Amino acid sequence: MEFRKSPETLAVLVVGTDTLIEALPARPIQLAHACGALGFDLVVPLSWGDELVAEAALRALEPRDHTPAVLCSCPLVRQRLLQTGGDLAAAMVSLAPSPVAVARHLRSLLGDRLGSLSFVGRCPSAVPPEYDVAYDPPTLLGIVRDRGIQIQHQPDVYLDRLPPDRRRFVSLPGGCPAPELLWQRCNERTLVEIEGPDLALDVAQHLMAPQSTLVDVATAVGCFCAGVTSTPTDIAVRVAVASLEPPRSITPVMTDAVIPELEVAAIAPSKSSGEIGYDVASASGRPPMAITPATALPNRK
């Protein structure tokens, strides 16, 4: 199957953070080269989406008073926080997930030059109309092996193409704002990362406290975009992701001109539809995309 509208269009792949972890000991640049060998013209890190979400979160928090807030961009977080109703809606900074953010950015940036947009990772937000194709990490890594491409034999530097910027400026994995930017731009607001099993109690205690905080529960609920690969774990997953990335940038990675609209209504998930709480996907009227077989990969001969 071929997704290019013409030979001049691009087949683009966004690589989820969980995929980087599952591809170890291969390095991210080696994985990007392997995906290029499969036929993708451009391999984009999900950190671009994290940067967009984190910037949107900072802009949403800047005009707020000092009351505590909780970040809600991951579909798993949305499901957990709203599963009993909308009581937390007023405290939530409700945004689209990082895969959606980077998809909107790429579609706006590339326009008619985009032939197909694919995603590899387990985030349930990677569905139409944002993405044409979605793979889970074992499926794509299996296709790489079946094609005879040895990831660990790929170069660990970019040799023949302009590398996408993999640095971060405002974000942590998953789209949470970095603590120093949160403090500087949002009236000395501090970041609280929930990591224990008593999530509901911990969130309630922080939201009732007088401190100006942003509560993040992404890793506690198993956010794949934060680096969780199997079962919910603690904030150490972000340390693992950071070890695979270059040093942080001292200037913005994404410019104001490409920040898409990311606000999402904080509504409870629909039990009848089986949605995981991400209302933009269900509003499209199209079903979630199943894992795509190898025949859907771009064919670069």
C-alpha atoms as a PDB file:
ATOM      1  CA  MET A   1       0.000   0.000   0.000  1.00  0.00           C
ATOM      2  CA  GLU A   2       1.327   3.430  -0.902  1.00  0.00           C
ATOM      3  CA  PHE A   3       0.319   6.596   0.929  1.00  0.00           C
ATOM      4  CA  ARG A   4       2.166   9.139  -1.162  1.00  0.00           C
ATOM      5  CA  LYS A   5      -0.118  11.266  -3.307  1.00  0.00           C
ATOM      6  CA  SER A   6       2.778  11.663  -5.747  1.00  0.00           C
ATOM      7  CA  PRO A   7       6.524  10.920  -5.843  1.00  0.00           C
ATOM      8  CA  GLU A   8       7.112  14.419  -4.475  1.00  0.00           C
ATOM      9  CA  THR A   9       5.180  13.849  -1.239  1.00  0.00           C
ATOM     10  CA  LEU A  10       6.655  12.638   2.038  1.00  0.00           C
ATOM     11  CA  ALA A  11       6.003   9.588   4.196  1.00  0.00           C
ATOM     12  CA  VAL A  12       6.464  10.760   7.794  1.00  0.00           C
ATOM     13  CA  LEU A  13       6.756   8.658  10.959  1.00  0.00           C
ATOM     14  CA  VAL A  14       6.384   9.985  14.522  1.00  0.00           C
ATOM     15  CA  VAL A  15       8.244   7.792  17.021  1.00  0.00           C
ATOM     16  CA  GLY A  16       6.634   7.488  20.453  1.00  0.00           C
ATOM     17  CA  THR A  17       8.744   7.703  23.585  1.00  0.00           C
ATOM     18  CA  ASP A  18       7.845   4.175  24.671  1.00  0.00           C
ATOM     19  CA  THR A  19       9.196   2.903  21.347  1.00  0.00           C
ATOM     20  CA  LEU A  20      12.603   4.424  22.089  1.00  0.00           C
ATOM     21  CA  ILE A  21      12.733   2.491  25.357  1.00  0.00           C
ATOM     22  CA  GLU A  22      11.593  -0.773  23.765  1.00  0.00           C
ATOM     23  CA  ALA A  23      14.185  -0.438  20.998  1.00  0.00           C
ATOM     24  CA  LEU A  24      17.105  -0.416  23.457  1.00  0.00           C
ATOM     25  CA  PRO A  25      19.998  -1.095  23.341  1.00  0.00           C
ATOM     26  CA  ALA A  26      19.683   0.546  19.926  1.00  0.00           C
ATOM     27  CA  ARG A  27      19.965   4.321  20.152  1.00  0.00           C
ATOM     28  CA  PRO A  28      17.231   6.691  18.910  1.00  0.00           C
ATOM     29  CA  ILE A  29      19.255   7.826  15.880  1.00  0.00           C
ATOM     30  CA  GLN A  30      19.894   4.194  14.926  1.00  0.00           C
ATOM     31  CA  LEU A  31      16.152   3.553  15.146  1.00  0.00           C
ATOM     32  CA  ALA A  32      15.524   6.595  12.939  1.00  0.00           C
ATOM     33  CA  HIS A  33      17.954   5.264  10.324  1.00  0.00           C
ATOM     34  CA  ALA A  34      16.227   1.862  10.432  1.00  0.00           C
ATOM     35  CA  CYS A  35      12.850   3.510   9.860  1.00  0.00           C
ATOM     36  CA  GLY A  36      14.387   5.438   6.980  1.00  0.00           C
ATOM     37  CA  ALA A  37      15.516   2.143   5.501  1.00  0.00           C
ATOM     38  CA  LEU A  38      11.900   0.971   5.660  1.00  0.00           C
ATOM     39  CA  GLY A  39      10.928   3.878   3.415  1.00  0.00           C
ATOM     40  CA  PHE A  40      10.006   6.776   5.693  1.00  0.00           C
ATOM     41  CA  ASP A  41      11.325  10.097   4.441  1.00  0.00           C
ATOM     42  CA  LEU A  42      11.155  11.886   7.770  1.00  0.00           C
ATOM     43  CA  VAL A  43      11.304  10.378  11.275  1.00  0.00           C
ATOM     44  CA  VAL A  44      10.120  12.836  13.931  1.00  0.00           C
ATOM     45  CA  PRO A  45      10.593  12.451  17.706  1.00  0.00           C
ATOM     46  CA  LEU A  46       7.513  12.727  19.902  1.00  0.00           C
ATOM     47  CA  SER A  47       9.410  15.329  21.931  1.00  0.00           C
ATOM     48  CA  TRP A  48       8.172  17.858  19.347  1.00  0.00           C
ATOM     49  CA  GLY A  49       4.637  17.168  20.534  1.00  0.00           C
ATOM     50  CA  ASP A  50       5.757  17.331  24.172  1.00  0.00           C
ATOM     51  CA  GLU A  51       7.196  20.778  23.535  1.00  0.00           C
ATOM     52  CA  LEU A  52       3.922  21.978  22.015  1.00  0.00           C
ATOM     53  CA  VAL A  53       1.827  20.601  24.881  1.00  0.00           C
ATOM     54  CA  ALA A  54       4.139  21.998  27.559  1.00  0.00           C
ATOM     55  CA  GLU A  55       4.083  25.452  25.954  1.00  0.00           C
ATOM     56  CA  ALA A  56       0.274  25.320  25.781  1.00  0.00           C
ATOM     57  CA  ALA A  57       0.154  24.326  29.449  1.00  0.00           C
ATOM     58  CA  LEU A  58       2.365  27.241  30.454  1.00  0.00           C
ATOM     59  CA  ARG A  59       0.225  29.679  28.488  1.00  0.00           C
ATOM     60  CA  ALA A  60      -2.917  28.301  30.131  1.00  0.00           C
ATOM     61  CA  LEU A  61      -1.393  28.624  33.615  1.00  0.00           C
ATOM     62  CA  GLU A  62       0.173  32.087  33.247  1.00  0.00           C
ATOM     63  CA  PRO A  63      -3.084  34.028  33.803  1.00  0.00           C
ATOM     64  CA  ARG A  64      -4.341  31.740  36.600  1.00  0.00           C
ATOM     65  CA  ASP A  65      -4.213  32.613  40.268  1.00  0.00           C
ATOM     66  CA  HIS A  66      -2.203  30.595  42.788  1.00  0.00           C
ATOM     67  CA  THR A  67      -4.739  27.796  43.215  1.00  0.00           C
ATOM     68  CA  PRO A  68      -3.424  24.284  42.508  1.00  0.00           C
ATOM     69  CA  ALA A  69      -3.986  22.732  39.081  1.00  0.00           C
ATOM     70  CA  VAL A  70      -3.629  19.263  37.594  1.00  0.00           C
ATOM     71  CA  LEU A  71      -2.288  18.564  34.108  1.00  0.00           C
ATOM     72  CA  CYS A  72      -4.508  16.448  31.868  1.00  0.00           C
ATOM     73  CA  SER A  73      -3.197  15.778  28.380  1.00  0.00           C
ATOM     74  CA  CYS A  74      -2.693  11.987  28.365  1.00  0.00           C
ATOM     75  CA  PRO A  75      -5.844   9.955  27.497  1.00  0.00           C
ATOM     76  CA  LEU A  76      -5.059   7.580  30.373  1.00  0.00           C
ATOM     77  CA  VAL A  77      -4.882  10.514  32.782  1.00  0.00           C
ATOM     78  CA  ARG A  78      -8.162  11.862  31.427  1.00  0.00           C
ATOM     79  CA  GLN A  79      -9.849   8.498  31.949  1.00  0.00           C
ATOM     80  CA  ARG A  80      -8.536   8.204  35.504  1.00  0.00           C
ATOM     81  CA  LEU A  81      -9.371  11.744  36.608  1.00  0.00           C
ATOM     82  CA  LEU A  82     -12.835  11.870  35.048  1.00  0.00           C
ATOM     83  CA  GLN A  83     -14.003   8.291  35.561  1.00  0.00           C
ATOM     84  CA  THR A  84     -16.318   9.303  38.395  1.00  0.00           C
ATOM     85  CA  GLY A  85     -17.531  12.561  36.847  1.00  0.00           C
ATOM     86  CA  GLY A  86     -16.364  16.093  36.204  1.00  0.00           C
ATOM     87  CA  ASP A  87     -15.596  17.240  39.751  1.00  0.00           C
ATOM     88  CA  LEU A  88     -11.949  17.904  38.898  1.00  0.00           C
ATOM     89  CA  ALA A  89     -12.670  19.727  35.647  1.00  0.00           C
ATOM     90  CA  ALA A  90     -12.246  23.215  37.104  1.00  0.00           C
ATOM     91  CA  ALA A  91      -8.760  22.384  38.377  1.00  0.00           C
ATOM     92  CA  MET A  92      -7.591  20.678  35.194  1.00  0.00           C
ATOM     93  CA  VAL A  93      -5.341  22.064  32.485  1.00  0.00           C
ATOM     94  CA  SER A  94      -6.995  20.015  29.748  1.00  0.00           C
ATOM     95  CA  LEU A  95      -5.011  19.677  26.527  1.00  0.00           C
ATOM     96  CA  ALA A  96      -4.683  17.337  23.570  1.00  0.00           C
ATOM     97  CA  PRO A  97      -1.977  14.643  23.871  1.00  0.00           C
ATOM     98  CA  SER A  98       1.521  15.004  22.463  1.00  0.00           C
ATOM     99  CA  PRO A  99       0.900  12.677  19.454  1.00  0.00           C
ATOM    100  CA  VAL A 100      -2.054  14.831  18.434  1.00  0.00           C
ATOM    101  CA  ALA A 101      -0.086  18.046  18.916  1.00  0.00           C
ATOM    102  CA  VAL A 102       2.790  16.965  16.686  1.00  0.00           C
ATOM    103  CA  ALA A 103       0.391  15.557  14.070  1.00  0.00           C
ATOM    104  CA  ARG A 104      -1.419  18.888  13.786  1.00  0.00           C
ATOM    105  CA  HIS A 105       1.890  20.708  13.601  1.00  0.00           C
ATOM    106  CA  LEU A 106       3.225  18.456  10.836  1.00  0.00           C
ATOM    107  CA  ARG A 107       0.037  18.613   8.770  1.00  0.00           C
ATOM    108  CA  SER A 108       0.066  22.399   9.006  1.00  0.00           C
ATOM    109  CA  LEU A 109       3.793  22.651   8.297  1.00  0.00           C
ATOM    110  CA  LEU A 110       3.989  20.221   5.366  1.00  0.00           C
ATOM    111  CA  GLY A 111       0.590  20.794   3.774  1.00  0.00           C
ATOM    112  CA  ASP A 112       0.280  19.142   0.352  1.00  0.00           C
ATOM    113  CA  ARG A 113       3.828  17.790   0.622  1.00  0.00           C
ATOM    114  CA  LEU A 114       2.633  15.272   3.241  1.00  0.00           C
ATOM    115  CA  GLY A 115       1.779  11.952   1.633  1.00  0.00           C
ATOM    116  CA  SER A 116       1.217   9.937   4.819  1.00  0.00           C
ATOM    117  CA  LEU A 117       1.575  10.411   8.555  1.00  0.00           C
ATOM    118  CA  SER A 118       2.236   7.348  10.707  1.00  0.00           C
ATOM    119  CA  PHE A 119       2.856   6.769  14.415  1.00  0.00           C
ATOM    120  CA  VAL A 120       4.652   4.052  16.349  1.00  0.00           C
ATOM    121  CA  GLY A 121       3.810   3.766  20.030  1.00  0.00           C
ATOM    122  CA  ARG A 122       0.966   2.691  22.268  1.00  0.00           C
ATOM    123  CA  CYS A 123      -0.704   6.039  22.931  1.00  0.00           C
ATOM    124  CA  PRO A 124      -4.438   5.568  22.207  1.00  0.00           C
ATOM    125  CA  SER A 125      -4.712   9.096  20.784  1.00  0.00           C
ATOM    126  CA  ALA A 126      -2.856   8.151  17.576  1.00  0.00           C
ATOM    127  CA  VAL A 127      -6.012   7.618  15.523  1.00  0.00           C
ATOM    128  CA  PRO A 128      -7.697   9.222  12.498  1.00  0.00           C
ATOM    129  CA  PRO A 129      -8.004  11.981  11.495  1.00  0.00           C
ATOM    130  CA  GLU A 130      -4.636  12.852  13.026  1.00  0.00           C
ATOM    131  CA  TYR A 131      -2.796   9.754  11.731  1.00  0.00           C
ATOM    132  CA  ASP A 132      -3.190   7.581   8.662  1.00  0.00           C
ATOM    133  CA  VAL A 133      -1.454   4.542  10.154  1.00  0.00           C
ATOM    134  CA  ALA A 134      -0.545   3.392  13.682  1.00  0.00           C
ATOM    135  CA  TYR A 135       1.817   0.638  14.813  1.00  0.00           C
ATOM    136  CA  ASP A 136       2.594  -0.671  18.268  1.00  0.00           C
ATOM    137  CA  PRO A 137       6.349  -0.921  18.993  1.00  0.00           C
ATOM    138  CA  PRO A 138       6.731  -4.738  18.740  1.00  0.00           C
ATOM    139  CA  THR A 139       4.941  -4.740  15.372  1.00  0.00           C
ATOM    140  CA  LEU A 140       7.186  -2.124  13.775  1.00  0.00           C
ATOM    141  CA  LEU A 141      10.354  -3.528  15.340  1.00  0.00           C
ATOM    142  CA  GLY A 142       9.323  -6.957  14.044  1.00  0.00           C
ATOM    143  CA  ILE A 143       8.864  -5.539  10.529  1.00  0.00           C
ATOM    144  CA  VAL A 144      12.343  -4.016  10.741  1.00  0.00           C
ATOM    145  CA  ARG A 145      13.810  -7.419  11.614  1.00  0.00           C
ATOM    146  CA  ASP A 146      11.789  -9.184   8.922  1.00  0.00           C
ATOM    147  CA  ARG A 147      13.154  -6.771   6.320  1.00  0.00           C
ATOM    148  CA  GLY A 148      16.684  -7.735   7.332  1.00  0.00           C
ATOM    149  CA  ILE A 149      17.467  -4.316   8.816  1.00  0.00           C
ATOM    150  CA  GLN A 150      19.745  -4.579  11.868  1.00  0.00           C
ATOM    151  CA  ILE A 151      19.022  -1.546  14.025  1.00  0.00           C
ATOM    152  CA  GLN A 152      22.196  -1.765  16.096  1.00  0.00           C
ATOM    153  CA  HIS A 153      24.303  -1.745  12.914  1.00  0.00           C
ATOM    154  CA  GLN A 154      22.821   1.569  11.802  1.00  0.00           C
ATOM    155  CA  PRO A 155      24.887   4.788  12.198  1.00  0.00           C
ATOM    156  CA  ASP A 156      24.523   6.643  15.492  1.00  0.00           C
ATOM    157  CA  VAL A 157      24.902   9.999  13.722  1.00  0.00           C
ATOM    158  CA  TYR A 158      23.027  11.630  10.844  1.00  0.00           C
ATOM    159  CA  LEU A 159      25.122  11.332   7.683  1.00  0.00           C
ATOM    160  CA  ASP A 160      23.026  12.196   4.640  1.00  0.00           C
ATOM    161  CA  ARG A 161      20.027  14.141   5.925  1.00  0.00           C
ATOM    162  CA  LEU A 162      19.179  17.134   8.081  1.00  0.00           C
ATOM    163  CA  PRO A 163      18.476  15.747  11.561  1.00  0.00           C
ATOM    164  CA  PRO A 164      15.249  16.713  13.364  1.00  0.00           C
ATOM    165  CA  ASP A 165      15.956  18.606  16.574  1.00  0.00           C
ATOM    166  CA  ARG A 166      15.623  16.107  19.442  1.00  0.00           C
ATOM    167  CA  ARG A 167      16.360  18.613  22.204  1.00  0.00           C
ATOM    168  CA  ARG A 168      13.827  19.878  24.728  1.00  0.00           C
ATOM    169  CA  PHE A 169      13.345  23.403  26.020  1.00  0.00           C
ATOM    170  CA  VAL A 170      10.038  23.628  27.915  1.00  0.00           C
ATOM    171  CA  SER A 171       8.969  20.000  28.328  1.00  0.00           C
ATOM    172  CA  LEU A 172       9.422  16.744  30.192  1.00  0.00           C
ATOM    173  CA  PRO A 173       8.525  13.441  28.477  1.00  0.00           C
ATOM    174  CA  GLY A 174       4.751  13.300  28.121  1.00  0.00           C
ATOM    175  CA  GLY A 175       4.263  17.055  27.694  1.00  0.00           C
ATOM    176  CA  CYS A 176       4.558  18.258  31.285  1.00  0.00           C
ATOM    177  CA  PRO A 177       6.280  21.664  31.620  1.00  0.00           C
ATOM    178  CA  ALA A 178       9.825  21.591  32.969  1.00  0.00           C
ATOM    179  CA  PRO A 179       9.931  22.700  36.639  1.00  0.00           C
ATOM    180  CA  GLU A 180      12.193  25.709  36.049  1.00  0.00           C
ATOM    181  CA  LEU A 181       9.998  27.133  33.268  1.00  0.00           C
ATOM    182  CA  LEU A 182       6.873  26.499  35.337  1.00  0.00           C
ATOM    183  CA  TRP A 183       8.394  28.456  38.219  1.00  0.00           C
ATOM    184  CA  GLN A 184       9.657  31.325  36.053  1.00  0.00           C
ATOM    185  CA  ARG A 185       6.575  31.867  33.891  1.00  0.00           C
ATOM    186  CA  CYS A 186       3.675  30.894  36.158  1.00  0.00           C
ATOM    187  CA  ASN A 187       4.094  32.981  39.312  1.00  0.00           C
ATOM    188  CA  GLU A 188       6.493  30.606  41.073  1.00  0.00           C
ATOM    189  CA  ARG A 189       4.262  27.586  40.606  1.00  0.00           C
ATOM    190  CA  THR A 190       5.949  24.287  41.492  1.00  0.00           C
ATOM    191  CA  LEU A 191       5.638  20.880  39.865  1.00  0.00           C
ATOM    192  CA  VAL A 192       4.415  17.875  41.875  1.00  0.00           C
ATOM    193  CA  GLU A 193       4.852  14.494  40.197  1.00  0.00           C
ATOM    194  CA  ILE A 194       2.628  11.853  41.778  1.00  0.00           C
ATOM    195  CA  GLU A 195       4.375   8.495  41.920  1.00  0.00           C
ATOM    196  CA  GLY A 196       2.712   6.432  44.659  1.00  0.00           C
ATOM    197  CA  PRO A 197      -0.171   3.942  44.469  1.00  0.00           C
ATOM    198  CA  ASP A 198      -2.625   6.197  46.359  1.00  0.00           C
ATOM    199  CA  LEU A 199      -3.169   8.452  43.374  1.00  0.00           C
ATOM    200  CA  ALA A 200      -6.658   9.715  44.216  1.00  0.00           C
ATOM    201  CA  LEU A 201      -5.702  10.580  47.800  1.00  0.00           C
ATOM    202  CA  ASP A 202      -2.462  12.277  46.759  1.00  0.00           C
ATOM    203  CA  VAL A 203      -4.184  14.380  44.085  1.00  0.00           C
ATOM    204  CA  ALA A 204      -6.933  15.421  46.505  1.00  0.00           C
ATOM    205  CA  GLN A 205      -4.419  16.466  49.153  1.00  0.00           C
ATOM    206  CA  HIS A 206      -2.445  18.619  46.728  1.00  0.00           C
ATOM    207  CA  LEU A 207      -5.541  20.252  45.247  1.00  0.00           C
ATOM    208  CA  MET A 208      -6.820  21.166  48.720  1.00  0.00           C
ATOM    209  CA  ALA A 209      -3.475  22.556  49.845  1.00  0.00           C
ATOM    210  CA  PRO A 210      -2.816  26.327  49.680  1.00  0.00           C
ATOM    211  CA  GLN A 211       0.411  25.952  47.643  1.00  0.00           C
ATOM    212  CA  SER A 212       0.591  27.016  44.006  1.00  0.00           C
ATOM    213  CA  THR A 213       1.326  23.695  42.292  1.00  0.00           C
ATOM    214  CA  LEU A 214       0.842  21.815  39.047  1.00  0.00           C
ATOM    215  CA  VAL A 215       0.086  18.166  39.778  1.00  0.00           C
ATOM    216  CA  ASP A 216       1.225  15.636  37.170  1.00  0.00           C
ATOM    217  CA  VAL A 217       0.082  11.997  37.382  1.00  0.00           C
ATOM    218  CA  ALA A 218       1.204  10.810  33.945  1.00  0.00           C
ATOM    219  CA  THR A 219       3.802   8.253  34.993  1.00  0.00           C
ATOM    220  CA  ALA A 220       1.639   7.009  37.868  1.00  0.00           C
ATOM    221  CA  VAL A 221      -1.164   5.995  35.485  1.00  0.00           C
ATOM    222  CA  GLY A 222       1.190   4.522  32.874  1.00  0.00           C
ATOM    223  CA  CYS A 223       1.479   7.270  30.248  1.00  0.00           C
ATOM    224  CA  PHE A 224       3.291   5.761  27.261  1.00  0.00           C
ATOM    225  CA  CYS A 225       4.393   9.180  26.013  1.00  0.00           C
ATOM    226  CA  ALA A 226       6.200   9.748  29.327  1.00  0.00           C
ATOM    227  CA  GLY A 227       8.204   6.583  28.725  1.00  0.00           C
ATOM    228  CA  VAL A 228       6.161   3.856  30.452  1.00  0.00           C
ATOM    229  CA  THR A 229       6.368   0.642  28.441  1.00  0.00           C
ATOM    230  CA  SER A 230       4.413  -2.018  30.338  1.00  0.00           C
ATOM    231  CA  THR A 231       2.995  -1.449  33.818  1.00  0.00           C
ATOM    232  CA  PRO A 232       2.548   1.865  35.648  1.00  0.00           C
ATOM    233  CA  THR A 233       5.782   2.894  37.333  1.00  0.00           C
ATOM    234  CA  ASP A 234       7.351   5.956  38.936  1.00  0.00           C
ATOM    235  CA  ILE A 235       9.070   9.106  37.698  1.00  0.00           C
ATOM    236  CA  ALA A 236      12.298   7.143  37.049  1.00  0.00           C
ATOM    237  CA  VAL A 237      11.008   6.469  33.526  1.00  0.00           C
ATOM    238  CA  ARG A 238      11.619  10.114  32.664  1.00  0.00           C
ATOM    239  CA  VAL A 239      15.205   9.751  33.819  1.00  0.00           C
ATOM    240  CA  ALA A 240      15.592   6.827  31.420  1.00  0.00           C
ATOM    241  CA  VAL A 241      14.182   8.887  28.551  1.00  0.00           C
ATOM    242  CA  ALA A 242      16.431  11.847  29.377  1.00  0.00           C
ATOM    243  CA  SER A 243      19.474   9.562  29.188  1.00  0.00           C
ATOM    244  CA  LEU A 244      18.662   8.943  25.503  1.00  0.00           C
ATOM    245  CA  GLU A 245      18.285  12.623  24.598  1.00  0.00           C
ATOM    246  CA  PRO A 246      20.776  15.406  23.864  1.00  0.00           C
ATOM    247  CA  PRO A 247      21.286  18.225  26.399  1.00  0.00           C
ATOM    248  CA  ARG A 248      18.395  20.647  26.838  1.00  0.00           C
ATOM    249  CA  SER A 249      18.214  23.591  24.473  1.00  0.00           C
ATOM    250  CA  ILE A 250      18.704  27.111  25.822  1.00  0.00           C
ATOM    251  CA  THR A 251      16.230  28.512  23.273  1.00  0.00           C
ATOM    252  CA  PRO A 252      12.735  27.384  22.165  1.00  0.00           C
ATOM    253  CA  VAL A 253      12.689  24.346  19.903  1.00  0.00           C
ATOM    254  CA  MET A 254       9.204  25.076  18.517  1.00  0.00           C
ATOM    255  CA  THR A 255       8.321  28.611  17.446  1.00  0.00           C
ATOM    256  CA  ASP A 256       5.155  30.597  18.152  1.00  0.00           C
ATOM    257  CA  ALA A 257       4.191  30.361  14.482  1.00  0.00           C
ATOM    258  CA  VAL A 258       3.576  26.604  14.689  1.00  0.00           C
ATOM    259  CA  ILE A 259       1.760  26.225  18.031  1.00  0.00           C
ATOM    260  CA  PRO A 260      -1.592  24.544  17.169  1.00  0.00           C
ATOM    261  CA  GLU A 261      -4.787  24.876  19.176  1.00  0.00           C
ATOM    262  CA  LEU A 262      -4.628  22.181  21.847  1.00  0.00           C
ATOM    263  CA  GLU A 263      -7.328  22.972  24.410  1.00  0.00           C
ATOM    264  CA  VAL A 264      -9.734  20.077  24.988  1.00  0.00           C
ATOM    265  CA  ALA A 265     -12.979  20.172  26.950  1.00  0.00           C
ATOM    266  CA  ALA A 266     -12.685  18.350  30.294  1.00  0.00           C
ATOM    267  CA  ILE A 267     -15.579  15.923  29.876  1.00  0.00           C
ATOM    268  CA  ALA A 268     -16.101  12.497  31.398  1.00  0.00           C
ATOM    269  CA  PRO A 269     -15.430   9.512  29.081  1.00  0.00           C
ATOM    270  CA  SER A 270     -18.428   7.915  27.423  1.00  0.00           C
ATOM    271  CA  LYS A 271     -19.074   4.468  28.886  1.00  0.00           C
ATOM    272  CA  SER A 272     -21.355   3.498  26.005  1.00  0.00           C
ATOM    273  CA  SER A 273     -18.780   4.261  23.309  1.00  0.00           C
ATOM    274  CA  GLY A 274     -15.895   2.633  25.116  1.00  0.00           C
ATOM    275  CA  GLU A 275     -13.817   5.753  24.568  1.00  0.00           C
ATOM    276  CA  ILE A 276     -10.809   6.191  26.783  1.00  0.00           C
ATOM    277  CA  GLY A 277     -11.723   9.782  27.475  1.00  0.00           C
ATOM    278  CA  TYR A 278     -10.213  11.592  24.494  1.00  0.00           C
ATOM    279  CA  ASP A 279     -13.229  13.290  22.975  1.00  0.00           C
ATOM    280  CA  VAL A 280     -11.550  14.696  19.853  1.00  0.00           C
ATOM    281  CA  ALA A 281     -11.033  11.201  18.429  1.00  0.00           C
ATOM    282  CA  SER A 282     -14.635  10.158  19.008  1.00  0.00           C
ATOM    283  CA  ALA A 283     -15.890  13.417  17.541  1.00  0.00           C
ATOM    284  CA  SER A 284     -14.303  12.513  14.221  1.00  0.00           C
ATOM    285  CA  GLY A 285     -16.874   9.742  13.774  1.00  0.00           C
ATOM    286  CA  ARG A 286     -14.139   7.334  12.664  1.00  0.00           C
ATOM    287  CA  PRO A 287     -13.135   4.186  14.563  1.00  0.00           C
ATOM    288  CA  PRO A 288      -9.708   3.781  16.182  1.00  0.00           C
ATOM    289  CA  MET A 289      -7.179   2.355  13.756  1.00  0.00           C
ATOM    290  CA  ALA A 290      -6.050  -1.227  14.247  1.00  0.00           C
ATOM    291  CA  ILE A 291      -2.424  -2.282  14.131  1.00  0.00           C
ATOM    292  CA  THR A 292      -1.279  -1.972  10.551  1.00  0.00           C
ATOM    293  CA  PRO A 293       0.329  -4.880   8.687  1.00  0.00           C
ATOM    294  CA  ALA A 294       3.656  -4.671   6.930  1.00  0.00           C
ATOM    295  CA  THR A 295       1.955  -4.129   3.574  1.00  0.00           C
ATOM    296  CA  ALA A 296       0.994  -0.628   4.667  1.00  0.00           C
ATOM    297  CA  LEU A 297       4.598   0.520   4.962  1.00  0.00           C
ATOM    298  CA  PRO A 298       5.844   2.988   2.355  1.00  0.00           C
ATOM    299  CA  ASN A 299       7.676   1.291  -0.481  1.00  0.00           C
ATOM    300  CA  ARG A 300      10.957   2.968  -1.349  1.00  0.00           C
ATOM    301  CA  LYS A 301      12.559   1.185  -4.268  1.00  0.00           C
END
